[in-house]
Amino acid sequence: MKISKRLSSGALAVVASLAVAGCETTGSVQDQAAGASIGAVVGCGIGALVTGTGRGCATGAAIGGFVGWGAVALTQYNAQQVRSSSADSRIYGLTTPVDDTQVKIRRGTSAPKSVRPGDSVDISTDYSVMLPAGASNARVTESWALKKDGKTVANLPKKSASRAAGGWQADAEITIPDNVPAGTYVIEHKVKAGSSYDTDESTFVVRA
């Protein structure tokens, strides 16, 4: 029996809302992991509704996999100053005083470059903070977005803290959820202080 477009649209909306609700990251790590599985299962239902055939499960599972990225958590976070202001100036040639706080990412990395679901990826952001004369520190916000095929699939929790002038390194870890699409993923590293911000990108591949 064929499902009407009106019924399919309505059911799709309900199933999609359940998928999102099941994958919110407000619970424990175990709850978040369960959300990834729910995303894949619900995605299968979405695919079946859209195509009206069993083949839709494969398409829907991919959709659910993206929903499953909502379960990704930022763990093992640590930030430390790795260069003094004078060392930063010597390395990067920062000789002109700044009138406002400035931030600059020197390097954003993620490793290893090839992982499977369940593996961990280490994320590192090395950046410089330049302060105007008379300022001892500034509030800096670090953030990371996970992208695939030009689309954001997850925004990791932001970290905000007071930073002195010099070089800083923020390290963290994410675990690849189960049932997410294989392929190349981009981590967008971002730091922001006041009106100054900078971004960089690193990549890794999820294998099937």
N, C-alpha and C. Protein backbone atom coordinates (compact mmCIF):
# COMPACT_ATOMS: atom_id res chain seq x y z
N MET A 1 0.84 -1.19 0.00
CA MET A 1 0.00 0.00 0.00
C MET A 1 0.88 1.24 0.00
N LYS A 2 0.56 2.19 -0.90
CA LYS A 2 1.34 3.41 -0.99
C LYS A 2 0.94 4.39 0.09
N ILE A 3 1.93 5.14 0.58
CA ILE A 3 1.67 6.16 1.59
C ILE A 3 1.55 7.49 0.89
N SER A 4 0.52 8.24 1.18
CA SER A 4 0.33 9.53 0.51
C SER A 4 1.42 10.49 0.88
N LYS A 5 1.66 11.49 0.03
CA LYS A 5 2.69 12.48 0.31
C LYS A 5 2.39 13.23 1.59
N ARG A 6 1.08 13.50 1.83
CA ARG A 6 0.72 14.24 3.04
C ARG A 6 1.07 13.43 4.27
N LEU A 7 0.74 12.12 4.24
CA LEU A 7 1.03 11.28 5.38
C LEU A 7 2.53 11.12 5.56
N SER A 8 3.24 10.96 4.44
CA SER A 8 4.68 10.80 4.53
C SER A 8 5.33 12.03 5.15
N SER A 9 4.89 13.22 4.75
CA SER A 9 5.47 14.45 5.26
C SER A 9 5.22 14.58 6.75
N GLY A 10 3.98 14.27 7.15
CA GLY A 10 3.64 14.39 8.56
C GLY A 10 4.42 13.39 9.40
N ALA A 11 4.49 12.15 8.92
CA ALA A 11 5.23 11.14 9.66
C ALA A 11 6.70 11.47 9.71
N LEU A 12 7.21 12.00 8.60
CA LEU A 12 8.61 12.38 8.55
C LEU A 12 8.93 13.43 9.59
N ALA A 13 8.05 14.41 9.74
CA ALA A 13 8.28 15.47 10.71
C ALA A 13 8.31 14.90 12.12
N VAL A 14 7.37 13.98 12.41
CA VAL A 14 7.31 13.38 13.75
C VAL A 14 8.55 12.57 14.03
N VAL A 15 8.95 11.73 13.05
CA VAL A 15 10.12 10.89 13.25
C VAL A 15 11.38 11.72 13.40
N ALA A 16 11.49 12.78 12.59
CA ALA A 16 12.67 13.65 12.67
C ALA A 16 12.74 14.32 14.03
N SER A 17 11.60 14.76 14.55
CA SER A 17 11.61 15.42 15.86
C SER A 17 12.01 14.45 16.95
N LEU A 18 11.59 13.19 16.81
CA LEU A 18 12.00 12.18 17.78
C LEU A 18 13.49 11.93 17.70
N ALA A 19 14.02 11.96 16.49
CA ALA A 19 15.46 11.74 16.31
C ALA A 19 16.25 12.81 17.02
N VAL A 20 15.86 14.07 16.84
CA VAL A 20 16.57 15.17 17.48
C VAL A 20 16.44 15.08 18.98
N ALA A 21 15.24 14.79 19.46
CA ALA A 21 15.03 14.70 20.90
C ALA A 21 15.87 13.57 21.49
N GLY A 22 16.00 12.48 20.74
CA GLY A 22 16.75 11.35 21.25
C GLY A 22 18.24 11.57 21.25
N CYS A 23 18.71 12.61 20.55
CA CYS A 23 20.14 12.81 20.40
C CYS A 23 20.65 14.08 21.05
N GLU A 24 19.87 14.73 21.89
CA GLU A 24 20.35 15.93 22.57
C GLU A 24 21.48 15.55 23.51
N THR A 25 22.41 16.48 23.73
CA THR A 25 23.62 16.17 24.49
C THR A 25 23.55 16.67 25.91
N THR A 26 22.35 16.71 26.48
CA THR A 26 22.23 17.23 27.84
C THR A 26 22.40 16.13 28.88
N GLY A 27 22.39 14.85 28.47
CA GLY A 27 22.47 13.76 29.41
C GLY A 27 23.89 13.28 29.61
N SER A 28 24.02 12.06 30.18
CA SER A 28 25.31 11.47 30.44
C SER A 28 25.95 11.01 29.14
N VAL A 29 27.22 10.59 29.24
CA VAL A 29 27.90 10.07 28.06
C VAL A 29 27.19 8.84 27.54
N GLN A 30 26.65 8.00 28.46
CA GLN A 30 25.92 6.82 28.03
C GLN A 30 24.66 7.21 27.27
N ASP A 31 23.97 8.24 27.76
CA ASP A 31 22.77 8.72 27.08
C ASP A 31 23.11 9.25 25.70
N GLN A 32 24.25 9.94 25.59
CA GLN A 32 24.65 10.49 24.31
C GLN A 32 24.97 9.37 23.33
N ALA A 33 25.64 8.32 23.81
CA ALA A 33 25.96 7.19 22.94
C ALA A 33 24.68 6.52 22.46
N ALA A 34 23.69 6.42 23.36
CA ALA A 34 22.42 5.83 22.97
C ALA A 34 21.76 6.68 21.90
N GLY A 35 21.95 8.00 21.99
CA GLY A 35 21.37 8.90 21.01
C GLY A 35 21.88 8.64 19.62
N ALA A 36 23.15 8.27 19.52
CA ALA A 36 23.71 7.98 18.20
C ALA A 36 23.02 6.77 17.58
N SER A 37 22.78 5.74 18.39
CA SER A 37 22.10 4.55 17.88
C SER A 37 20.67 4.87 17.50
N ILE A 38 20.00 5.67 18.33
CA ILE A 38 18.63 6.07 18.03
C ILE A 38 18.58 6.81 16.70
N GLY A 39 19.60 7.68 16.48
CA GLY A 39 19.63 8.45 15.24
C GLY A 39 19.67 7.54 14.03
N ALA A 40 20.49 6.50 14.09
CA ALA A 40 20.60 5.59 12.95
C ALA A 40 19.30 4.81 12.74
N VAL A 41 18.70 4.33 13.86
CA VAL A 41 17.47 3.56 13.74
C VAL A 41 16.33 4.42 13.21
N VAL A 42 16.20 5.62 13.77
CA VAL A 42 15.14 6.52 13.31
C VAL A 42 15.40 6.93 11.87
N GLY A 43 16.68 7.12 11.52
CA GLY A 43 17.00 7.47 10.15
C GLY A 43 16.53 6.41 9.18
N CYS A 44 16.63 5.16 9.58
CA CYS A 44 16.15 4.08 8.73
C CYS A 44 14.66 4.24 8.48
N GLY A 45 13.92 4.61 9.55
CA GLY A 45 12.48 4.84 9.39
C GLY A 45 12.19 6.01 8.47
N ILE A 46 13.01 7.05 8.57
CA ILE A 46 12.83 8.21 7.70
C ILE A 46 13.01 7.79 6.25
N GLY A 47 14.06 7.01 5.99
CA GLY A 47 14.33 6.57 4.63
C GLY A 47 13.19 5.73 4.08
N ALA A 48 12.65 4.87 4.91
CA ALA A 48 11.55 4.03 4.46
C ALA A 48 10.32 4.86 4.13
N LEU A 49 10.04 5.88 4.94
CA LEU A 49 8.89 6.74 4.68
C LEU A 49 9.06 7.54 3.40
N VAL A 50 10.29 8.01 3.19
CA VAL A 50 10.54 8.85 2.02
C VAL A 50 10.45 8.05 0.73
N THR A 51 11.05 6.84 0.73
CA THR A 51 11.11 6.06 -0.51
C THR A 51 9.97 5.07 -0.65
N GLY A 52 9.38 4.69 0.49
CA GLY A 52 8.31 3.70 0.45
C GLY A 52 8.83 2.30 0.20
N THR A 53 10.15 2.10 0.30
CA THR A 53 10.74 0.79 0.08
C THR A 53 11.77 0.50 1.14
N GLY A 54 12.16 -0.78 1.23
CA GLY A 54 13.19 -1.16 2.17
C GLY A 54 14.52 -0.53 1.87
N ARG A 55 14.74 -0.20 0.57
CA ARG A 55 16.02 0.42 0.20
C ARG A 55 16.20 1.76 0.88
N GLY A 56 15.08 2.38 1.28
CA GLY A 56 15.19 3.68 1.93
C GLY A 56 15.92 3.62 3.25
N CYS A 57 16.05 2.43 3.82
CA CYS A 57 16.73 2.30 5.10
C CYS A 57 18.18 2.73 5.00
N ALA A 58 18.83 2.41 3.88
CA ALA A 58 20.23 2.79 3.71
C ALA A 58 20.37 4.30 3.66
N THR A 59 19.47 4.93 2.88
CA THR A 59 19.50 6.39 2.80
C THR A 59 19.20 7.01 4.15
N GLY A 60 18.18 6.46 4.81
CA GLY A 60 17.78 7.00 6.10
C GLY A 60 18.84 6.79 7.16
N ALA A 61 19.56 5.67 7.07
CA ALA A 61 20.60 5.42 8.06
C ALA A 61 21.68 6.49 7.98
N ALA A 62 21.97 6.95 6.75
CA ALA A 62 22.94 8.03 6.59
C ALA A 62 22.43 9.30 7.24
N ILE A 63 21.12 9.59 7.03
CA ILE A 63 20.52 10.76 7.68
C ILE A 63 20.62 10.63 9.19
N GLY A 64 20.26 9.44 9.69
CA GLY A 64 20.33 9.20 11.12
C GLY A 64 21.73 9.29 11.65
N GLY A 65 22.71 8.91 10.79
CA GLY A 65 24.09 9.00 11.22
C GLY A 65 24.49 10.42 11.49
N PHE A 66 24.05 11.36 10.64
CA PHE A 66 24.35 12.77 10.88
C PHE A 66 23.69 13.24 12.17
N VAL A 67 22.42 12.78 12.40
CA VAL A 67 21.76 13.11 13.66
C VAL A 67 22.57 12.55 14.81
N GLY A 68 23.15 11.33 14.60
CA GLY A 68 23.94 10.69 15.65
C GLY A 68 25.15 11.49 16.06
N TRP A 69 25.64 12.39 15.19
CA TRP A 69 26.77 13.23 15.57
C TRP A 69 26.41 14.13 16.74
N GLY A 70 25.11 14.30 17.01
CA GLY A 70 24.73 15.10 18.17
C GLY A 70 25.18 14.49 19.47
N ALA A 71 25.59 13.22 19.43
CA ALA A 71 26.04 12.54 20.64
C ALA A 71 27.52 12.76 20.92
N VAL A 72 28.25 13.39 19.99
CA VAL A 72 29.68 13.56 20.19
C VAL A 72 29.94 14.52 21.34
N ALA A 73 30.92 14.17 22.17
CA ALA A 73 31.24 14.97 23.35
C ALA A 73 32.71 15.39 23.31
N LEU A 74 33.01 16.54 23.89
CA LEU A 74 34.38 17.04 24.00
C LEU A 74 34.92 16.60 25.36
N THR A 75 35.96 15.78 25.37
CA THR A 75 36.51 15.27 26.62
C THR A 75 38.00 15.56 26.70
N GLN A 76 38.57 15.31 27.87
CA GLN A 76 40.01 15.46 28.11
C GLN A 76 40.50 16.86 27.73
N TYR A 77 39.64 17.86 27.93
CA TYR A 77 40.03 19.23 27.55
C TYR A 77 41.12 19.76 28.48
N ASN A 78 42.12 20.39 27.89
CA ASN A 78 43.17 21.03 28.67
C ASN A 78 43.78 22.16 27.85
N ALA A 79 43.97 23.31 28.48
CA ALA A 79 44.58 24.45 27.81
C ALA A 79 45.73 24.97 28.68
N GLN A 80 46.83 25.31 28.04
CA GLN A 80 47.98 25.82 28.79
C GLN A 80 48.76 26.80 27.93
N GLN A 81 49.47 27.70 28.61
CA GLN A 81 50.31 28.64 27.89
C GLN A 81 51.60 27.92 27.51
N VAL A 82 51.96 27.98 26.24
CA VAL A 82 53.14 27.26 25.74
C VAL A 82 54.26 28.20 25.29
N ARG A 83 53.95 29.51 25.19
CA ARG A 83 54.98 30.50 24.84
C ARG A 83 54.70 31.79 25.58
N SER A 84 55.76 32.42 26.06
CA SER A 84 55.59 33.74 26.66
C SER A 84 55.31 34.75 25.57
N SER A 85 54.91 35.95 25.97
CA SER A 85 54.64 37.00 25.00
C SER A 85 55.90 37.34 24.19
N SER A 86 57.05 37.40 24.87
CA SER A 86 58.30 37.74 24.18
C SER A 86 58.71 36.62 23.22
N ALA A 87 58.51 35.35 23.63
CA ALA A 87 58.85 34.23 22.75
C ALA A 87 57.93 34.22 21.54
N ASP A 88 56.66 34.53 21.76
CA ASP A 88 55.71 34.59 20.66
C ASP A 88 56.12 35.66 19.65
N SER A 89 56.56 36.79 20.17
CA SER A 89 56.98 37.90 19.31
C SER A 89 58.22 37.53 18.49
N ARG A 90 59.16 36.83 19.14
CA ARG A 90 60.37 36.43 18.43
C ARG A 90 60.05 35.44 17.30
N ILE A 91 59.18 34.48 17.59
CA ILE A 91 58.88 33.43 16.61
C ILE A 91 58.07 33.97 15.44
N TYR A 92 57.08 34.80 15.75
CA TYR A 92 56.14 35.24 14.71
C TYR A 92 56.32 36.68 14.27
N GLY A 93 57.35 37.35 14.81
CA GLY A 93 57.65 38.70 14.36
C GLY A 93 56.60 39.72 14.74
N LEU A 94 56.05 39.60 15.94
CA LEU A 94 55.02 40.54 16.38
C LEU A 94 55.70 41.73 17.05
N THR A 95 56.05 42.71 16.25
CA THR A 95 56.80 43.85 16.79
C THR A 95 55.96 45.10 16.95
N THR A 96 54.81 45.17 16.25
CA THR A 96 53.97 46.36 16.33
C THR A 96 52.94 46.21 17.45
N PRO A 97 52.90 47.15 18.39
CA PRO A 97 51.90 47.06 19.47
C PRO A 97 50.48 47.09 18.90
N VAL A 98 49.56 46.45 19.59
CA VAL A 98 48.17 46.43 19.14
C VAL A 98 47.34 47.37 20.02
N ASP A 99 46.31 47.94 19.43
CA ASP A 99 45.42 48.84 20.17
C ASP A 99 44.30 48.07 20.86
N ASP A 100 43.94 46.92 20.31
CA ASP A 100 42.90 46.06 20.88
C ASP A 100 43.41 44.63 20.92
N THR A 101 42.78 43.82 21.74
CA THR A 101 43.17 42.41 21.85
C THR A 101 43.06 41.73 20.48
N GLN A 102 44.09 40.98 20.12
CA GLN A 102 44.10 40.25 18.86
C GLN A 102 44.41 38.78 19.12
N VAL A 103 43.75 37.88 18.37
CA VAL A 103 44.06 36.46 18.46
C VAL A 103 44.39 35.94 17.06
N LYS A 104 45.29 34.94 17.02
CA LYS A 104 45.71 34.37 15.75
C LYS A 104 46.02 32.89 15.94
N ILE A 105 45.32 32.03 15.18
CA ILE A 105 45.61 30.59 15.24
C ILE A 105 46.88 30.31 14.45
N ARG A 106 47.82 29.65 15.10
CA ARG A 106 49.06 29.26 14.44
C ARG A 106 48.93 27.91 13.76
N ARG A 107 48.18 27.01 14.39
CA ARG A 107 48.00 25.69 13.79
C ARG A 107 46.86 24.95 14.48
N GLY A 108 45.97 24.40 13.65
CA GLY A 108 44.92 23.52 14.16
C GLY A 108 45.16 22.12 13.63
N THR A 109 45.15 21.12 14.50
CA THR A 109 45.43 19.76 14.06
C THR A 109 44.42 18.77 14.64
N SER A 110 44.29 17.63 13.99
CA SER A 110 43.50 16.51 14.52
C SER A 110 44.22 15.23 14.15
N ALA A 111 44.26 14.27 15.07
CA ALA A 111 44.98 13.02 14.84
C ALA A 111 44.33 11.89 15.64
N PRO A 112 44.39 10.67 15.12
CA PRO A 112 45.01 10.25 13.87
C PRO A 112 44.19 10.69 12.66
N LYS A 113 44.75 10.49 11.49
CA LYS A 113 44.08 10.94 10.27
C LYS A 113 43.04 9.95 9.76
N SER A 114 43.10 8.71 10.23
CA SER A 114 42.14 7.69 9.80
C SER A 114 41.62 6.95 11.02
N VAL A 115 40.30 6.91 11.20
CA VAL A 115 39.69 6.29 12.37
C VAL A 115 38.46 5.49 11.97
N ARG A 116 37.97 4.69 12.91
CA ARG A 116 36.72 3.98 12.75
C ARG A 116 35.77 4.40 13.87
N PRO A 117 34.46 4.16 13.70
CA PRO A 117 33.52 4.47 14.79
C PRO A 117 33.98 3.82 16.09
N GLY A 118 33.93 4.59 17.16
CA GLY A 118 34.40 4.11 18.45
C GLY A 118 35.81 4.56 18.77
N ASP A 119 36.59 4.97 17.75
CA ASP A 119 37.93 5.48 17.98
C ASP A 119 37.88 6.92 18.47
N SER A 120 39.00 7.39 18.99
CA SER A 120 39.10 8.77 19.47
C SER A 120 39.95 9.60 18.53
N VAL A 121 39.63 10.88 18.44
CA VAL A 121 40.41 11.84 17.66
C VAL A 121 40.88 12.94 18.60
N ASP A 122 42.17 13.20 18.58
CA ASP A 122 42.76 14.28 19.38
C ASP A 122 42.73 15.57 18.59
N ILE A 123 42.22 16.63 19.21
CA ILE A 123 42.12 17.93 18.58
C ILE A 123 43.04 18.91 19.31
N SER A 124 43.81 19.68 18.56
CA SER A 124 44.72 20.64 19.18
C SER A 124 44.67 21.97 18.42
N THR A 125 44.59 23.06 19.17
CA THR A 125 44.57 24.40 18.59
C THR A 125 45.67 25.24 19.23
N ASP A 126 46.65 25.62 18.45
CA ASP A 126 47.75 26.46 18.91
C ASP A 126 47.48 27.88 18.43
N TYR A 127 47.44 28.83 19.36
CA TYR A 127 47.13 30.20 18.96
C TYR A 127 47.86 31.22 19.82
N SER A 128 47.93 32.45 19.29
CA SER A 128 48.59 33.55 19.98
C SER A 128 47.57 34.58 20.45
N VAL A 129 47.87 35.19 21.59
CA VAL A 129 47.05 36.28 22.13
C VAL A 129 47.94 37.51 22.23
N MET A 130 47.53 38.59 21.59
CA MET A 130 48.25 39.86 21.66
C MET A 130 47.38 40.87 22.40
N LEU A 131 47.94 41.52 23.42
CA LEU A 131 47.18 42.45 24.24
C LEU A 131 47.70 43.88 24.09
N PRO A 132 46.81 44.86 24.21
CA PRO A 132 47.26 46.26 24.17
C PRO A 132 48.01 46.61 25.44
N ALA A 133 48.75 47.69 25.39
CA ALA A 133 49.53 48.13 26.54
C ALA A 133 48.61 48.35 27.74
N GLY A 134 49.04 47.88 28.90
CA GLY A 134 48.25 48.07 30.12
C GLY A 134 47.31 46.93 30.43
N ALA A 135 47.06 46.03 29.48
CA ALA A 135 46.16 44.91 29.71
C ALA A 135 46.97 43.68 30.12
N SER A 136 46.48 42.99 31.15
CA SER A 136 47.21 41.81 31.63
C SER A 136 46.61 40.51 31.10
N ASN A 137 45.33 40.55 30.71
CA ASN A 137 44.69 39.35 30.17
C ASN A 137 43.42 39.74 29.41
N ALA A 138 42.86 38.78 28.74
CA ALA A 138 41.61 38.99 28.00
C ALA A 138 40.85 37.67 27.97
N ARG A 139 39.53 37.76 27.86
CA ARG A 139 38.72 36.54 27.78
C ARG A 139 38.71 36.04 26.34
N VAL A 140 39.11 34.80 26.19
CA VAL A 140 39.19 34.16 24.87
C VAL A 140 38.24 32.97 24.84
N THR A 141 37.52 32.84 23.74
CA THR A 141 36.61 31.70 23.56
C THR A 141 37.15 30.80 22.46
N GLU A 142 37.28 29.53 22.79
CA GLU A 142 37.73 28.52 21.84
C GLU A 142 36.52 27.68 21.43
N SER A 143 36.40 27.38 20.16
CA SER A 143 35.27 26.56 19.70
C SER A 143 35.70 25.70 18.52
N TRP A 144 34.91 24.65 18.27
CA TRP A 144 35.22 23.71 17.19
C TRP A 144 33.92 23.28 16.53
N ALA A 145 33.91 23.22 15.21
CA ALA A 145 32.75 22.73 14.47
C ALA A 145 33.20 21.56 13.61
N LEU A 146 32.36 20.52 13.57
CA LEU A 146 32.65 19.34 12.78
C LEU A 146 31.82 19.40 11.50
N LYS A 147 32.50 19.29 10.33
CA LYS A 147 31.81 19.45 9.06
C LYS A 147 32.08 18.27 8.13
N LYS A 148 31.12 18.03 7.24
CA LYS A 148 31.29 17.03 6.18
C LYS A 148 30.59 17.52 4.93
N ASP A 149 31.28 17.48 3.81
CA ASP A 149 30.73 17.94 2.54
C ASP A 149 30.21 19.37 2.63
N GLY A 150 30.92 20.20 3.37
CA GLY A 150 30.56 21.61 3.49
C GLY A 150 29.43 21.91 4.46
N LYS A 151 28.90 20.89 5.12
CA LYS A 151 27.80 21.10 6.06
C LYS A 151 28.24 20.79 7.49
N THR A 152 27.78 21.59 8.44
CA THR A 152 28.11 21.37 9.84
C THR A 152 27.27 20.23 10.39
N VAL A 153 27.92 19.21 10.93
CA VAL A 153 27.20 18.08 11.50
C VAL A 153 27.21 18.11 13.03
N ALA A 154 28.11 18.91 13.63
CA ALA A 154 28.15 19.03 15.09
C ALA A 154 28.93 20.27 15.48
N ASN A 155 28.44 20.97 16.49
CA ASN A 155 29.17 22.06 17.11
C ASN A 155 29.58 21.60 18.50
N LEU A 156 30.89 21.51 18.73
CA LEU A 156 31.38 21.05 20.02
C LEU A 156 31.26 22.17 21.05
N PRO A 157 31.17 21.80 22.35
CA PRO A 157 31.04 22.83 23.39
C PRO A 157 32.16 23.85 23.36
N LYS A 158 31.81 25.11 23.53
CA LYS A 158 32.80 26.18 23.56
C LYS A 158 33.49 26.22 24.93
N LYS A 159 34.72 26.71 24.92
CA LYS A 159 35.48 26.91 26.15
C LYS A 159 35.91 28.37 26.21
N SER A 160 35.65 29.01 27.33
CA SER A 160 35.97 30.42 27.48
C SER A 160 36.74 30.63 28.78
N ALA A 161 37.86 31.37 28.70
CA ALA A 161 38.67 31.61 29.88
C ALA A 161 39.54 32.84 29.68
N SER A 162 40.10 33.34 30.78
CA SER A 162 40.99 34.49 30.72
C SER A 162 42.37 34.02 30.27
N ARG A 163 42.95 34.73 29.31
CA ARG A 163 44.26 34.36 28.78
C ARG A 163 45.22 35.54 28.84
N ALA A 164 46.45 35.27 29.24
CA ALA A 164 47.51 36.28 29.22
C ALA A 164 48.09 36.33 27.81
N ALA A 165 48.88 37.36 27.53
CA ALA A 165 49.51 37.48 26.22
C ALA A 165 50.52 36.36 26.03
N GLY A 166 50.62 35.86 24.79
CA GLY A 166 51.56 34.79 24.49
C GLY A 166 50.92 33.68 23.69
N GLY A 167 51.60 32.54 23.64
CA GLY A 167 51.09 31.40 22.88
C GLY A 167 50.36 30.42 23.76
N TRP A 168 49.23 29.93 23.28
CA TRP A 168 48.39 28.99 24.03
C TRP A 168 48.09 27.77 23.19
N GLN A 169 47.89 26.65 23.87
CA GLN A 169 47.51 25.42 23.18
C GLN A 169 46.34 24.78 23.90
N ALA A 170 45.25 24.58 23.17
CA ALA A 170 44.06 23.93 23.71
C ALA A 170 43.95 22.54 23.11
N ASP A 171 43.92 21.53 23.96
CA ASP A 171 43.83 20.14 23.52
C ASP A 171 42.55 19.51 24.03
N ALA A 172 41.95 18.65 23.23
CA ALA A 172 40.74 17.94 23.62
C ALA A 172 40.63 16.65 22.82
N GLU A 173 39.61 15.90 23.13
CA GLU A 173 39.41 14.60 22.47
C GLU A 173 37.94 14.40 22.17
N ILE A 174 37.64 13.79 21.03
CA ILE A 174 36.27 13.38 20.74
C ILE A 174 36.29 11.90 20.37
N THR A 175 35.19 11.21 20.66
CA THR A 175 35.03 9.81 20.28
C THR A 175 34.04 9.74 19.13
N ILE A 176 34.41 9.04 18.07
CA ILE A 176 33.55 8.94 16.90
C ILE A 176 32.34 8.06 17.25
N PRO A 177 31.12 8.60 17.14
CA PRO A 177 29.93 7.80 17.45
C PRO A 177 29.75 6.63 16.49
N ASP A 178 28.97 5.64 16.91
CA ASP A 178 28.65 4.53 16.03
C ASP A 178 27.66 4.99 14.96
N ASN A 179 27.65 4.27 13.86
CA ASN A 179 26.64 4.48 12.80
C ASN A 179 26.67 5.87 12.19
N VAL A 180 27.86 6.44 12.00
CA VAL A 180 27.95 7.71 11.28
C VAL A 180 28.53 7.42 9.90
N PRO A 181 28.20 8.23 8.91
CA PRO A 181 28.67 7.98 7.55
C PRO A 181 30.20 8.03 7.46
N ALA A 182 30.75 7.11 6.69
CA ALA A 182 32.18 7.14 6.42
C ALA A 182 32.50 8.33 5.52
N GLY A 183 33.76 8.73 5.51
CA GLY A 183 34.15 9.84 4.65
C GLY A 183 35.12 10.78 5.34
N THR A 184 35.43 11.88 4.66
CA THR A 184 36.36 12.87 5.18
C THR A 184 35.60 13.94 5.97
N TYR A 185 36.10 14.22 7.17
CA TYR A 185 35.49 15.23 8.04
C TYR A 185 36.48 16.36 8.28
N VAL A 186 35.95 17.55 8.42
CA VAL A 186 36.75 18.75 8.68
C VAL A 186 36.45 19.28 10.07
N ILE A 187 37.49 19.54 10.83
CA ILE A 187 37.34 20.24 12.11
C ILE A 187 37.68 21.71 11.87
N GLU A 188 36.71 22.58 12.13
CA GLU A 188 36.99 24.02 12.05
C GLU A 188 37.35 24.51 13.45
N HIS A 189 38.59 24.93 13.61
CA HIS A 189 39.07 25.47 14.87
C HIS A 189 38.82 26.99 14.86
N LYS A 190 38.34 27.52 15.98
CA LYS A 190 38.09 28.96 16.03
C LYS A 190 38.43 29.51 17.41
N VAL A 191 39.07 30.66 17.43
CA VAL A 191 39.31 31.39 18.68
C VAL A 191 38.79 32.81 18.49
N LYS A 192 38.26 33.38 19.57
CA LYS A 192 37.66 34.72 19.49
C LYS A 192 37.91 35.47 20.78
N ALA A 193 38.25 36.75 20.64
CA ALA A 193 38.41 37.63 21.79
C ALA A 193 37.91 39.00 21.38
N GLY A 194 36.80 39.43 21.96
CA GLY A 194 36.20 40.69 21.54
C GLY A 194 35.78 40.62 20.09
N SER A 195 36.22 41.57 19.30
CA SER A 195 35.87 41.57 17.87
C SER A 195 36.90 40.84 17.01
N SER A 196 37.97 40.34 17.63
CA SER A 196 39.01 39.64 16.90
C SER A 196 38.77 38.13 16.93
N TYR A 197 38.89 37.49 15.78
CA TYR A 197 38.76 36.03 15.75
C TYR A 197 39.60 35.47 14.60
N ASP A 198 39.87 34.17 14.68
CA ASP A 198 40.62 33.52 13.62
C ASP A 198 40.16 32.07 13.54
N THR A 199 40.29 31.45 12.36
CA THR A 199 39.89 30.06 12.17
C THR A 199 40.98 29.29 11.44
N ASP A 200 40.95 27.99 11.59
CA ASP A 200 41.84 27.11 10.85
C ASP A 200 41.10 25.78 10.69
N GLU A 201 41.60 24.90 9.82
CA GLU A 201 40.94 23.63 9.59
C GLU A 201 41.92 22.47 9.65
N SER A 202 41.42 21.33 10.12
CA SER A 202 42.16 20.08 10.06
C SER A 202 41.18 19.00 9.63
N THR A 203 41.68 17.87 9.16
CA THR A 203 40.79 16.84 8.64
C THR A 203 41.15 15.46 9.18
N PHE A 204 40.16 14.56 9.16
CA PHE A 204 40.38 13.15 9.42
C PHE A 204 39.36 12.36 8.63
N VAL A 205 39.62 11.08 8.46
CA VAL A 205 38.75 10.22 7.67
C VAL A 205 38.15 9.14 8.56
N VAL A 206 36.83 8.97 8.47
CA VAL A 206 36.15 7.88 9.16
C VAL A 206 36.00 6.73 8.16
N ARG A 207 36.56 5.59 8.51
CA ARG A 207 36.48 4.43 7.62
C ARG A 207 35.25 3.58 7.98
N ALA A 208 34.69 2.93 7.00
CA ALA A 208 33.52 2.09 7.22
C ALA A 208 33.92 0.84 7.98
